[in-house]
Every structure is written in C-alpha cells, then in structure tokens.
PDB file of N, CA and C in Angstrom:
ATOM      1  N   MET A   1       0.817  -1.068   0.077  1.00  0.00           N
ATOM      2  CA  MET A   1       0.016  -0.016   0.063  1.00  0.00           C
ATOM      3  C   MET A   1       0.903   1.199  -0.047  1.00  0.00           C
ATOM      4  N   ARG A   2       0.488   2.214  -0.771  1.00  0.00           N
ATOM      5  CA  ARG A   2       1.357   3.424  -0.997  1.00  0.00           C
ATOM      6  C   ARG A   2       0.858   4.487   0.064  1.00  0.00           C
ATOM      7  N   ARG A   3       1.757   4.940   0.652  1.00  0.00           N
ATOM      8  CA  ARG A   3       1.513   6.090   1.647  1.00  0.00           C
ATOM      9  C   ARG A   3       1.640   7.372   1.038  1.00  0.00           C
ATOM     10  N   THR A   4       0.668   8.352   1.310  1.00  0.00           N
ATOM     11  CA  THR A   4       0.754   9.581   0.723  1.00  0.00           C
ATOM     12  C   THR A   4       0.960  10.596   1.821  1.00  0.00           C
ATOM     13  N   ILE A   5       1.746  11.614   1.508  1.00  0.00           N
ATOM     14  CA  ILE A   5       2.071  12.667   2.438  1.00  0.00           C
ATOM     15  C   ILE A   5       0.985  13.858   2.132  1.00  0.00           C
ATOM     16  N   PRO A   6       0.316  14.218   3.245  1.00  0.00           N
ATOM     17  CA  PRO A   6      -0.589  15.438   3.004  1.00  0.00           C
ATOM     18  C   PRO A   6       0.202  16.715   2.830  1.00  0.00           C
ATOM     19  N   ARG A   7      -0.311  17.493   1.765  1.00  0.00           N
ATOM     20  CA  ARG A   7       0.352  18.629   1.509  1.00  0.00           C
ATOM     21  C   ARG A   7      -0.537  19.789   1.717  1.00  0.00           C
ATOM     22  N   ASN A   8      -0.080  20.968   2.123  1.00  0.00           N
ATOM     23  CA  ASN A   8      -0.944  22.255   2.343  1.00  0.00           C
ATOM     24  C   ASN A   8      -1.295  22.813   0.971  1.00  0.00           C
ATOM     25  N   ASN A   9      -0.345  22.733  -0.085  1.00  0.00           N
ATOM     26  CA  ASN A   9      -0.571  23.231  -1.246  1.00  0.00           C
ATOM     27  C   ASN A   9      -0.384  22.277  -2.420  1.00  0.00           C
ATOM     28  N   TYR A  10      -0.509  22.554  -3.641  1.00  0.00           N
ATOM     29  CA  TYR A  10      -0.406  21.676  -4.684  1.00  0.00           C
ATOM     30  C   TYR A  10       0.925  21.533  -5.301  1.00  0.00           C
ATOM     31  N   ASN A  11       1.969  22.158  -4.720  1.00  0.00           N
ATOM     32  CA  ASN A  11       3.427  22.188  -5.241  1.00  0.00           C
ATOM     33  C   ASN A  11       3.919  20.893  -4.696  1.00  0.00           C
ATOM     34  N   SER A  12       4.738  20.199  -5.617  1.00  0.00           N
ATOM     35  CA  SER A  12       5.329  19.012  -5.281  1.00  0.00           C
ATOM     36  C   SER A  12       6.583  19.486  -4.370  1.00  0.00           C
ATOM     37  N   PHE A  13       7.262  18.550  -3.891  1.00  0.00           N
ATOM     38  CA  PHE A  13       8.452  18.719  -2.949  1.00  0.00           C
ATOM     39  C   PHE A  13       9.595  19.407  -3.714  1.00  0.00           C
ATOM     40  N   TYR A  14       9.881  19.060  -4.791  1.00  0.00           N
ATOM     41  CA  TYR A  14      10.965  19.590  -5.618  1.00  0.00           C
ATOM     42  C   TYR A  14      10.689  21.047  -6.046  1.00  0.00           C
ATOM     43  N   GLU A  15       9.399  21.385  -6.351  1.00  0.00           N
ATOM     44  CA  GLU A  15       8.915  22.621  -6.653  1.00  0.00           C
ATOM     45  C   GLU A  15       9.038  23.822  -5.471  1.00  0.00           C
ATOM     46  N   ARG A  16       9.106  23.201  -4.308  1.00  0.00           N
ATOM     47  CA  ARG A  16       9.195  24.069  -3.133  1.00  0.00           C
ATOM     48  C   ARG A  16      10.620  24.361  -2.826  1.00  0.00           C
ATOM     49  N   ARG A  17      11.544  23.546  -3.449  1.00  0.00           N
ATOM     50  CA  ARG A  17      13.009  23.744  -3.178  1.00  0.00           C
ATOM     51  C   ARG A  17      13.659  24.374  -4.270  1.00  0.00           C
ATOM     52  N   VAL A  18      13.013  25.459  -4.886  1.00  0.00           N
ATOM     53  CA  VAL A  18      13.645  26.167  -6.093  1.00  0.00           C
ATOM     54  C   VAL A  18      14.621  27.087  -5.475  1.00  0.00           C
ATOM     55  N   ILE A  19      15.685  27.086  -6.251  1.00  0.00           N
ATOM     56  CA  ILE A  19      16.892  28.017  -5.717  1.00  0.00           C
ATOM     57  C   ILE A  19      16.697  29.327  -6.210  1.00  0.00           C
ATOM     58  N   PHE A  20      16.246  29.514  -7.456  1.00  0.00           N
ATOM     59  CA  PHE A  20      16.042  30.848  -8.097  1.00  0.00           C
ATOM     60  C   PHE A  20      14.558  31.391  -7.787  1.00  0.00           C
ATOM     61  N   THR A  21      14.452  32.634  -7.946  1.00  0.00           N
ATOM     62  CA  THR A  21      13.167  33.188  -7.733  1.00  0.00           C
ATOM     63  C   THR A  21      12.757  33.863  -9.037  1.00  0.00           C
ATOM     64  N   ILE A  22      11.470  33.954  -9.131  1.00  0.00           N
ATOM     65  CA  ILE A  22      10.906  34.446 -10.441  1.00  0.00           C
ATOM     66  C   ILE A  22      10.788  36.056 -10.225  1.00  0.00           C
ATOM     67  N   ILE A  23      11.211  36.697 -11.439  1.00  0.00           N
ATOM     68  CA  ILE A  23      11.211  38.351 -11.202  1.00  0.00           C
ATOM     69  C   ILE A  23       9.785  38.871 -11.114  1.00  0.00           C
ATOM     70  N   THR A  24       9.714  39.668 -10.134  1.00  0.00           N
ATOM     71  CA  THR A  24       8.270  40.293  -9.929  1.00  0.00           C
ATOM     72  C   THR A  24       8.193  41.387 -10.798  1.00  0.00           C
ATOM     73  N   ASP A  25       6.981  41.967 -11.001  1.00  0.00           N
ATOM     74  CA  ASP A  25       6.703  43.187 -11.711  1.00  0.00           C
ATOM     75  C   ASP A  25       7.617  44.408 -11.399  1.00  0.00           C
ATOM     76  N   LYS A  26       7.775  44.560 -10.030  1.00  0.00           N
ATOM     77  CA  LYS A  26       8.490  45.739  -9.736  1.00  0.00           C
ATOM     78  C   LYS A  26       9.968  45.557 -10.136  1.00  0.00           C
ATOM     79  N   GLU A  27      10.488  44.367  -9.971  1.00  0.00           N
ATOM     80  CA  GLU A  27      11.809  44.252 -10.412  1.00  0.00           C
ATOM     81  C   GLU A  27      12.047  44.349 -11.849  1.00  0.00           C
ATOM     82  N   MET A  28      11.012  43.803 -12.545  1.00  0.00           N
ATOM     83  CA  MET A  28      11.023  43.911 -14.046  1.00  0.00           C
ATOM     84  C   MET A  28      11.092  45.469 -14.429  1.00  0.00           C
ATOM     85  N   LYS A  29      10.273  46.187 -13.840  1.00  0.00           N
ATOM     86  CA  LYS A  29      10.206  47.762 -14.225  1.00  0.00           C
ATOM     87  C   LYS A  29      11.734  48.350 -13.837  1.00  0.00           C
ATOM     88  N   GLU A  30      12.289  47.909 -12.745  1.00  0.00           N
ATOM     89  CA  GLU A  30      13.591  48.555 -12.421  1.00  0.00           C
ATOM     90  C   GLU A  30      14.660  48.129 -13.425  1.00  0.00           C
ATOM     91  N   ILE A  31      14.603  46.868 -13.853  1.00  0.00           N
ATOM     92  CA  ILE A  31      15.490  46.407 -14.896  1.00  0.00           C
ATOM     93  C   ILE A  31      15.212  47.233 -16.219  1.00  0.00           C
ATOM     94  N   GLU A  32      13.950  47.320 -16.530  1.00  0.00           N
ATOM     95  CA  GLU A  32      13.660  48.140 -17.862  1.00  0.00           C
ATOM     96  C   GLU A  32      14.139  49.483 -17.759  1.00  0.00           C
ATOM     97  N   GLN A  33      14.171  50.203 -16.623  1.00  0.00           N
ATOM     98  CA  GLN A  33      14.644  51.487 -16.589  1.00  0.00           C
ATOM     99  C   GLN A  33      16.229  51.582 -16.527  1.00  0.00           C
ATOM    100  N   LEU A  34      16.789  50.382 -16.414  1.00  0.00           N
ATOM    101  CA  LEU A  34      18.277  50.582 -16.663  1.00  0.00           C
ATOM    102  C   LEU A  34      18.771  50.304 -18.096  1.00  0.00           C
ATOM    103  N   ILE A  35      17.832  49.779 -18.767  1.00  0.00           N
ATOM    104  CA  ILE A  35      18.117  49.353 -20.251  1.00  0.00           C
ATOM    105  C   ILE A  35      18.701  50.521 -21.088  1.00  0.00           C
ATOM    106  N   PRO A  36      18.102  51.815 -20.998  1.00  0.00           N
ATOM    107  CA  PRO A  36      18.705  52.904 -21.949  1.00  0.00           C
ATOM    108  C   PRO A  36      20.069  53.113 -21.674  1.00  0.00           C
ATOM    109  N   GLU A  37      20.467  53.207 -20.294  1.00  0.00           N
ATOM    110  CA  GLU A  37      21.811  53.486 -19.803  1.00  0.00           C
ATOM    111  C   GLU A  37      22.951  52.357 -19.883  1.00  0.00           C
ATOM    112  N   HIS A  38      22.339  51.232 -19.457  1.00  0.00           N
ATOM    113  CA  HIS A  38      23.322  50.152 -19.289  1.00  0.00           C
ATOM    114  C   HIS A  38      22.976  48.874 -20.070  1.00  0.00           C
ATOM    115  N   LYS A  39      22.744  49.140 -21.454  1.00  0.00           N
ATOM    116  CA  LYS A  39      22.220  47.992 -22.272  1.00  0.00           C
ATOM    117  C   LYS A  39      23.344  47.110 -22.466  1.00  0.00           C
ATOM    118  N   GLU A  40      24.521  47.495 -22.848  1.00  0.00           N
ATOM    119  CA  GLU A  40      25.575  46.512 -23.008  1.00  0.00           C
ATOM    120  C   GLU A  40      26.051  45.664 -21.876  1.00  0.00           C
ATOM    121  N   SER A  41      26.038  46.228 -20.773  1.00  0.00           N
ATOM    122  CA  SER A  41      26.275  45.553 -19.589  1.00  0.00           C
ATOM    123  C   SER A  41      25.279  44.523 -19.117  1.00  0.00           C
ATOM    124  N   LEU A  42      24.120  45.009 -19.293  1.00  0.00           N
ATOM    125  CA  LEU A  42      23.081  43.998 -19.115  1.00  0.00           C
ATOM    126  C   LEU A  42      23.039  42.722 -19.944  1.00  0.00           C
ATOM    127  N   VAL A  43      23.216  43.039 -21.296  1.00  0.00           N
ATOM    128  CA  VAL A  43      23.423  41.959 -22.317  1.00  0.00           C
ATOM    129  C   VAL A  43      24.638  41.058 -21.844  1.00  0.00           C
ATOM    130  N   ALA A  44      25.661  41.707 -21.582  1.00  0.00           N
ATOM    131  CA  ALA A  44      26.810  40.886 -21.143  1.00  0.00           C
ATOM    132  C   ALA A  44      26.628  40.059 -19.928  1.00  0.00           C
ATOM    133  N   TYR A  45      25.866  40.574 -18.938  1.00  0.00           N
ATOM    134  CA  TYR A  45      25.625  39.789 -17.698  1.00  0.00           C
ATOM    135  C   TYR A  45      24.731  38.724 -18.041  1.00  0.00           C
ATOM    136  N   GLY A  46      23.629  38.867 -18.966  1.00  0.00           N
ATOM    137  CA  GLY A  46      22.842  37.825 -19.323  1.00  0.00           C
ATOM    138  C   GLY A  46      23.544  36.709 -20.117  1.00  0.00           C
ATOM    139  N   ALA A  47      24.350  37.087 -21.063  1.00  0.00           N
ATOM    140  CA  ALA A  47      25.276  36.052 -21.552  1.00  0.00           C
ATOM    141  C   ALA A  47      26.147  35.389 -20.636  1.00  0.00           C
ATOM    142  N   TYR A  48      26.752  36.021 -19.708  1.00  0.00           N
ATOM    143  CA  TYR A  48      27.570  35.287 -18.605  1.00  0.00           C
ATOM    144  C   TYR A  48      26.721  34.388 -17.772  1.00  0.00           C
ATOM    145  N   MET A  49      25.557  34.745 -17.531  1.00  0.00           N
ATOM    146  CA  MET A  49      24.683  33.782 -16.701  1.00  0.00           C
ATOM    147  C   MET A  49      24.288  32.563 -17.582  1.00  0.00           C
ATOM    148  N   TYR A  50      24.071  32.888 -18.866  1.00  0.00           N
ATOM    149  CA  TYR A  50      23.679  31.744 -19.781  1.00  0.00           C
ATOM    150  C   TYR A  50      24.872  30.812 -19.817  1.00  0.00           C
ATOM    151  N   ARG A  51      26.040  31.292 -20.043  1.00  0.00           N
ATOM    152  CA  ARG A  51      27.302  30.496 -20.194  1.00  0.00           C
ATOM    153  C   ARG A  51      27.534  29.656 -19.007  1.00  0.00           C
ATOM    154  N   CYS A  52      27.302  30.421 -17.728  1.00  0.00           N
ATOM    155  CA  CYS A  52      27.480  29.569 -16.390  1.00  0.00           C
ATOM    156  C   CYS A  52      26.499  28.307 -16.325  1.00  0.00           C
ATOM    157  N   GLY A  53      25.319  28.638 -16.843  1.00  0.00           N
ATOM    158  CA  GLY A  53      24.172  27.704 -16.778  1.00  0.00           C
ATOM    159  C   GLY A  53      24.570  26.494 -17.716  1.00  0.00           C
ATOM    160  N   VAL A  54      25.124  26.801 -18.899  1.00  0.00           N
ATOM    161  CA  VAL A  54      25.353  25.736 -19.901  1.00  0.00           C
ATOM    162  C   VAL A  54      26.516  24.929 -19.398  1.00  0.00           C
ATOM    163  N   PHE A  55      27.561  25.584 -18.790  1.00  0.00           N
ATOM    164  CA  PHE A  55      28.755  24.907 -18.259  1.00  0.00           C
ATOM    165  C   PHE A  55      28.353  23.943 -17.091  1.00  0.00           C
ATOM    166  N   THR A  56      27.546  24.468 -16.181  1.00  0.00           N
ATOM    167  CA  THR A  56      26.936  23.688 -15.185  1.00  0.00           C
ATOM    168  C   THR A  56      26.239  22.598 -15.568  1.00  0.00           C
ATOM    169  N   GLY A  57      25.366  22.813 -16.539  1.00  0.00           N
ATOM    170  CA  GLY A  57      24.573  21.615 -17.075  1.00  0.00           C
ATOM    171  C   GLY A  57      25.450  20.560 -17.749  1.00  0.00           C
ATOM    172  N   ALA A  58      26.414  21.028 -18.471  1.00  0.00           N
ATOM    173  CA  ALA A  58      27.361  19.994 -19.226  1.00  0.00           C
ATOM    174  C   ALA A  58      28.127  19.328 -18.007  1.00  0.00           C
ATOM    175  N   ALA A  59      28.502  19.881 -16.918  1.00  0.00           N
ATOM    176  CA  ALA A  59      29.087  19.259 -15.913  1.00  0.00           C
ATOM    177  C   ALA A  59      28.419  18.171 -15.270  1.00  0.00           C
ATOM    178  N   TYR A  60      26.950  18.473 -14.939  1.00  0.00           N
ATOM    179  CA  TYR A  60      26.061  17.463 -14.427  1.00  0.00           C
ATOM    180  C   TYR A  60      25.902  16.313 -15.368  1.00  0.00           C
ATOM    181  N   LEU A  61      25.896  16.665 -16.561  1.00  0.00           N
ATOM    182  CA  LEU A  61      25.591  15.636 -17.671  1.00  0.00           C
ATOM    183  C   LEU A  61      26.834  14.713 -17.655  1.00  0.00           C
ATOM    184  N   ALA A  62      27.968  15.316 -17.590  1.00  0.00           N
ATOM    185  CA  ALA A  62      29.195  14.365 -17.645  1.00  0.00           C
ATOM    186  C   ALA A  62      29.147  13.483 -16.423  1.00  0.00           C
ATOM    187  N   ILE A  63      28.942  14.006 -15.256  1.00  0.00           N
ATOM    188  CA  ILE A  63      28.911  13.360 -13.911  1.00  0.00           C
ATOM    189  C   ILE A  63      27.820  12.188 -14.053  1.00  0.00           C
ATOM    190  N   GLY A  64      26.668  12.492 -14.522  1.00  0.00           N
ATOM    191  CA  GLY A  64      25.606  11.639 -14.773  1.00  0.00           C
ATOM    192  C   GLY A  64      25.945  10.393 -15.646  1.00  0.00           C
ATOM    193  N   VAL A  65      26.629  10.681 -16.834  1.00  0.00           N
ATOM    194  CA  VAL A  65      27.014   9.691 -17.750  1.00  0.00           C
ATOM    195  C   VAL A  65      28.129   8.920 -17.073  1.00  0.00           C
ATOM    196  N   GLY A  66      29.013   9.463 -16.458  1.00  0.00           N
ATOM    197  CA  GLY A  66      30.228   8.769 -15.768  1.00  0.00           C
ATOM    198  C   GLY A  66      29.635   7.815 -14.820  1.00  0.00           C
ATOM    199  N   LEU A  67      28.812   8.251 -14.026  1.00  0.00           N
ATOM    200  CA  LEU A  67      28.236   7.263 -12.795  1.00  0.00           C
ATOM    201  C   LEU A  67      27.477   6.192 -13.559  1.00  0.00           C
ATOM    202  N   GLY A  68      26.737   6.479 -14.611  1.00  0.00           N
ATOM    203  CA  GLY A  68      25.857   5.461 -15.367  1.00  0.00           C
ATOM    204  C   GLY A  68      26.726   4.353 -15.820  1.00  0.00           C
ATOM    205  N   PHE A  69      27.954   4.869 -16.511  1.00  0.00           N
ATOM    206  CA  PHE A  69      28.856   3.834 -16.998  1.00  0.00           C
ATOM    207  C   PHE A  69      29.537   3.116 -15.939  1.00  0.00           C
ATOM    208  N   ILE A  70      29.794   3.601 -14.827  1.00  0.00           N
ATOM    209  CA  ILE A  70      30.512   2.792 -13.550  1.00  0.00           C
ATOM    210  C   ILE A  70      29.587   1.898 -13.153  1.00  0.00           C
ATOM    211  N   ILE A  71      28.186   2.311 -12.926  1.00  0.00           N
ATOM    212  CA  ILE A  71      27.160   1.292 -12.497  1.00  0.00           C
ATOM    213  C   ILE A  71      27.029   0.205 -13.423  1.00  0.00           C
ATOM    214  N   HIS A  72      26.969   0.556 -14.689  1.00  0.00           N
ATOM    215  CA  HIS A  72      26.734  -0.598 -15.810  1.00  0.00           C
ATOM    216  C   HIS A  72      27.896  -1.588 -15.693  1.00  0.00           C
ATOM    217  N   VAL A  73      29.125  -0.963 -15.888  1.00  0.00           N
ATOM    218  CA  VAL A  73      30.281  -1.991 -15.789  1.00  0.00           C
ATOM    219  C   VAL A  73      30.407  -2.765 -14.632  1.00  0.00           C
ATOM    220  N   SER A  74      30.114  -2.227 -13.395  1.00  0.00           N
ATOM    221  CA  SER A  74      30.071  -2.855 -12.239  1.00  0.00           C
ATOM    222  C   SER A  74      28.919  -4.034 -12.119  1.00  0.00           C
ATOM    223  N   ARG A  75      27.855  -3.865 -12.667  1.00  0.00           N
ATOM    224  CA  ARG A  75      26.775  -4.818 -12.818  1.00  0.00           C
ATOM    225  C   ARG A  75      27.377  -6.052 -13.627  1.00  0.00           C
ATOM    226  N   VAL A  76      27.873  -5.652 -14.771  1.00  0.00           N
ATOM    227  CA  VAL A  76      28.348  -6.613 -15.701  1.00  0.00           C
ATOM    228  C   VAL A  76      29.499  -7.559 -15.077  1.00  0.00           C
ATOM    229  N   ILE A  77      30.446  -6.870 -14.323  1.00  0.00           N
ATOM    230  CA  ILE A  77      31.413  -7.613 -13.657  1.00  0.00           C
ATOM    231  C   ILE A  77      30.823  -8.520 -12.639  1.00  0.00           C
ATOM    232  N   TYR A  78      29.786  -7.900 -11.929  1.00  0.00           N
ATOM    233  CA  TYR A  78      29.241  -8.707 -10.789  1.00  0.00           C
ATOM    234  C   TYR A  78      28.532 -10.005 -11.321  1.00  0.00           C
ATOM    235  N   LYS A  79      27.741  -9.793 -12.445  1.00  0.00           N
ATOM    236  CA  LYS A  79      26.993 -11.031 -12.977  1.00  0.00           C
ATOM    237  C   LYS A  79      27.841 -11.976 -13.601  1.00  0.00           C
ATOM    238  N   ASP A  80      28.954 -11.554 -14.162  1.00  0.00           N
ATOM    239  CA  ASP A  80      29.994 -12.383 -14.792  1.00  0.00           C
ATOM    240  C   ASP A  80      30.542 -13.098 -13.538  1.00  0.00           C
ATOM    241  N   ARG A  81      31.022 -12.528 -12.568  1.00  0.00           N
ATOM    242  CA  ARG A  81      31.647 -13.308 -11.443  1.00  0.00           C
ATOM    243  C   ARG A  81      30.698 -14.293 -10.761  1.00  0.00           C
ATOM    244  N   LYS A  82      29.467 -13.859 -10.672  1.00  0.00           N
ATOM    245  CA  LYS A  82      28.372 -14.743 -10.081  1.00  0.00           C
ATOM    246  C   LYS A  82      28.138 -15.991 -10.953  1.00  0.00           C
ATOM    247  N   SER A  83      28.195 -15.783 -12.199  1.00  0.00           N
ATOM    248  CA  SER A  83      27.974 -16.819 -13.206  1.00  0.00           C
ATOM    249  C   SER A  83      29.112 -17.851 -13.128  1.00  0.00           C
ATOM    250  N   LYS A  84      30.371 -17.323 -13.104  1.00  0.00           N
ATOM    251  CA  LYS A  84      31.515 -18.217 -12.890  1.00  0.00           C
ATOM    252  C   LYS A  84      31.518 -18.869 -11.529  1.00  0.00           C
ATOM    253  N   LYS A  85      31.105 -18.360 -10.655  1.00  0.00           N
ATOM    254  CA  LYS A  85      31.016 -18.879  -9.148  1.00  0.00           C
ATOM    255  C   LYS A  85      30.020 -20.053  -9.265  1.00  0.00           C
ATOM    256  N   ASN A  86      28.744 -19.824  -9.922  1.00  0.00           N
ATOM    257  CA  ASN A  86      27.895 -20.840  -9.933  1.00  0.00           C
ATOM    258  C   ASN A  86      28.210 -22.067 -10.918  1.00  0.00           C
ATOM    259  N   LYS A  87      28.924 -21.837 -12.025  1.00  0.00           N
ATOM    260  CA  LYS A  87      29.519 -22.989 -12.769  1.00  0.00           C
ATOM    261  C   LYS A  87      30.523 -23.609 -12.030  1.00  0.00           C
ATOM    262  N   GLY A  88      31.487 -22.920 -11.280  1.00  0.00           N
ATOM    263  CA  GLY A  88      32.331 -23.846 -10.494  1.00  0.00           C
ATOM    264  C   GLY A  88      31.805 -24.665  -9.290  1.00  0.00           C
ATOM    265  N   LYS A  89      30.587 -24.320  -8.732  1.00  0.00           N
ATOM    266  CA  LYS A  89      29.984 -25.156  -7.790  1.00  0.00           C
ATOM    267  C   LYS A  89      29.177 -26.359  -8.506  1.00  0.00           C
ATOM    268  N   GLU A  90      28.803 -26.070  -9.691  1.00  0.00           N
ATOM    269  CA  GLU A  90      28.074 -27.208 -10.332  1.00  0.00           C
ATOM    270  C   GLU A  90      29.082 -28.311 -10.874  1.00  0.00           C
ATOM    271  N   SER A  91      30.357 -27.977 -11.093  1.00  0.00           N
ATOM    272  CA  SER A  91      31.257 -28.801 -11.674  1.00  0.00           C
ATOM    273  C   SER A  91      31.830 -29.763 -10.637  1.00  0.00           C
TER     274      SER A  91
END
C-alpha cells in the first residue's frame, strides 16, 4: 500500500526547493529603467549567466554519464563473477 504525504498546497516537494526566484513586476520595471543607460552591460551579464548555466549543465551531464557507465560496468562484472562462481559449484 502506498502512503501519501498530506500537503498544504499543490506544489510538489521539488517545486518548493527552487533555488532561483521569479522576477516580480516591480523588479522587471527596475530592470527596464536600466536598459537605456546600461544596455551593453545587461546583455553581457545575461550572456555570462547563460554560459554559466550551460557549463553547469554540461558538468552535471558528464557526472551522470560517468556514474551510469560505472554502475553498468560494475553490474556486468558482478553478473560475470556470479555466473562463474555458480558454474564452479556445479562442476
């Protein structure tokens, strides 16, 4: 039987652990006021944040692929040793 955890809202556990916040209307207006004077710096900062996100995502992808490879190889080795052990007992 599956147990459910009662929640006060309809957000899942992971949605409540969001690291970043959504920009409010007030903050959006403040940024829009900066555009005429600081357009190049805002674009550069946005590009920098984008690159950081891409590199972070690539790092997590590489870690995930590496762990998946290690787990797969260890399972193959374990099954191979187990089958050899069972063949040795039968002989």
